[in-house]
Protein backbone atom coordinates (compact mmCIF):
# COMPACT_ATOMS: atom_id res chain seq x y z
CA MET A 1 0.13 -0.20 -0.06
CA HIS A 2 1.77 3.35 -0.83
CA SER A 3 1.30 6.47 1.53
CA VAL A 4 -1.39 8.68 1.24
CA SER A 5 1.12 11.26 1.15
CA GLU A 6 2.28 10.39 -2.40
CA ILE A 7 -0.93 11.81 -3.90
CA LYS A 8 -0.56 15.70 -4.41
CA SER A 9 -4.10 16.24 -5.81
CA VAL A 10 -7.07 14.07 -4.98
CA ASP A 11 -9.02 15.55 -7.60
CA ALA A 12 -6.45 15.07 -10.50
CA ALA A 13 -6.08 11.29 -9.26
CA ARG A 14 -9.88 10.72 -9.35
CA GLN A 15 -10.19 12.59 -12.86
CA ALA A 16 -7.03 10.29 -13.54
CA LEU A 17 -8.97 7.28 -12.31
CA THR A 18 -11.99 7.47 -14.43
CA TYR A 19 -10.00 8.09 -17.61
CA PHE A 20 -8.05 4.87 -16.86
CA LYS A 21 -11.07 2.94 -16.34
CA THR A 22 -12.79 3.89 -19.30
CA MET A 23 -9.65 3.34 -21.49
CA ALA A 24 -9.22 -0.22 -19.70
CA ILE A 25 -13.10 -1.41 -20.38
CA ILE A 26 -12.47 0.28 -23.94
CA VAL A 27 -8.99 -1.52 -24.42
CA GLY A 28 -10.41 -4.69 -23.24
CA VAL A 29 -13.38 -4.65 -25.39
CA GLY A 30 -11.12 -3.84 -28.22
CA LEU A 31 -8.74 -6.67 -27.84
CA LEU A 32 -11.72 -8.83 -28.02
CA ILE A 33 -12.56 -7.69 -30.95
CA LEU A 34 -8.81 -8.39 -32.28
CA CYS A 35 -9.29 -11.76 -31.27
CA ALA A 36 -12.07 -11.78 -33.37
CA GLU A 37 -10.25 -10.26 -36.15
CA MET A 38 -7.74 -12.90 -36.07
CA VAL A 39 -9.98 -15.92 -35.64
CA LEU A 40 -11.76 -14.79 -38.73
CA ARG A 41 -8.77 -13.59 -41.03
CA TYR A 42 -6.68 -16.73 -40.26
CA GLY A 43 -9.56 -19.60 -39.47
CA PHE A 44 -12.10 -18.73 -41.82
CA ASP A 45 -9.96 -16.74 -44.33
CA ASN A 46 -12.83 -13.51 -43.59
CA HIS A 47 -11.41 -10.13 -43.51
CA VAL A 48 -14.67 -8.18 -42.56
CA LEU A 49 -12.39 -7.04 -39.46
CA ASP A 50 -9.27 -6.47 -41.02
CA PHE A 51 -9.40 -2.58 -40.20
CA TRP A 52 -9.12 -3.36 -36.39
CA PRO A 53 -5.66 -3.79 -36.06
CA GLN A 54 -4.58 -0.20 -36.48
CA PRO A 55 -7.38 1.63 -34.34
CA HIS A 56 -7.24 -0.99 -31.63
CA GLY A 57 -3.07 -0.01 -31.38
CA PHE A 58 -4.11 3.23 -31.30
CA LEU A 59 -6.49 2.63 -28.29
CA TYR A 60 -3.60 0.77 -26.64
CA ILE A 61 -1.32 3.78 -26.65
CA LEU A 62 -4.12 5.94 -24.93
CA TYR A 63 -4.50 2.98 -22.61
CA VAL A 64 -0.75 3.28 -21.42
CA PHE A 65 -1.22 6.75 -21.43
CA ALA A 66 -3.84 6.54 -19.03
CA THR A 67 -2.12 4.12 -17.11
CA ALA A 68 1.10 6.24 -17.00
CA ASN A 69 -1.23 9.31 -15.82
CA LEU A 70 -2.79 7.47 -13.00
CA GLY A 71 0.52 5.63 -11.66
CA PHE A 72 2.44 9.15 -11.37
CA LYS A 73 -0.37 10.71 -9.68
CA VAL A 74 -1.02 8.19 -7.12
CA GLY A 75 2.96 7.35 -6.59
CA TRP A 76 2.87 3.99 -8.31
CA SER A 77 6.35 2.38 -9.03
CA LEU A 78 7.65 2.22 -12.99
CA GLY A 79 7.44 -1.58 -12.37
CA LYS A 80 3.65 -1.64 -10.99
CA MET A 81 3.00 0.79 -14.29
CA VAL A 82 4.51 -1.50 -16.65
CA LEU A 83 2.49 -4.43 -15.30
CA VAL A 84 -0.70 -2.72 -15.59
CA MET A 85 -0.12 -1.66 -19.15
CA LEU A 86 0.75 -5.09 -19.97
CA ALA A 87 -2.76 -6.38 -18.80
CA GLY A 88 -4.11 -4.79 -21.84
CA VAL A 89 -2.51 -7.03 -24.10
CA VAL A 90 -4.18 -10.09 -22.50
CA PRO A 91 -7.77 -10.60 -23.15
CA PHE A 92 -9.63 -10.55 -20.14
CA LEU A 93 -7.11 -9.36 -17.94
CA SER A 94 -7.76 -5.69 -18.65
CA PHE A 95 -10.89 -5.70 -17.19
CA TRP A 96 -9.58 -7.61 -14.13
CA ALA A 97 -7.07 -5.07 -13.61
CA GLU A 98 -9.30 -2.37 -14.23
CA GLN A 99 -11.23 -3.62 -11.03
CA LYS A 100 -8.23 -4.32 -9.01
CA VAL A 101 -6.81 -1.15 -9.43
CA ALA A 102 -9.66 0.96 -8.96
CA ALA A 103 -10.63 -0.62 -5.73
CA GLU A 104 -7.00 0.08 -4.73
CA VAL A 105 -6.87 3.78 -5.78
CA GLU A 106 -10.43 4.50 -4.49
CA GLU A 107 -9.33 3.34 -1.13
CA GLN A 108 -6.16 5.55 -1.48
CA LEU A 109 -8.47 8.50 -2.51
CA THR A 110 -10.78 7.92 0.22
CA ALA A 111 -7.91 7.76 2.66
CA ALA A 112 -6.06 11.06 1.27
CA ALA A 113 -9.31 13.08 1.34
CA ARG A 114 -9.44 12.60 5.40
């Protein structure tokens, strides 16, 4: 657990958490669509989702930014930030990471607001 003193601005950290949660869900759904695209392309020679890898890559970059933004605002180590960023490349893991991170950060923010 990180100390409360590491959070300089509770409001900024709350905004960063909201952005992170939104991006984690979007990237999680996007990754599932990417998996469907690969199954369709390589399993069935169907190219209906061939456009999707590039937008998904852009969304993942936004997720990486959201993670770093939140991490710096709540005092995470670089290692923790990287682990949370990597959660966005494993199907379903970003949903779990979003829930875990949100609960942890909410607890920190509640303590910091006291």
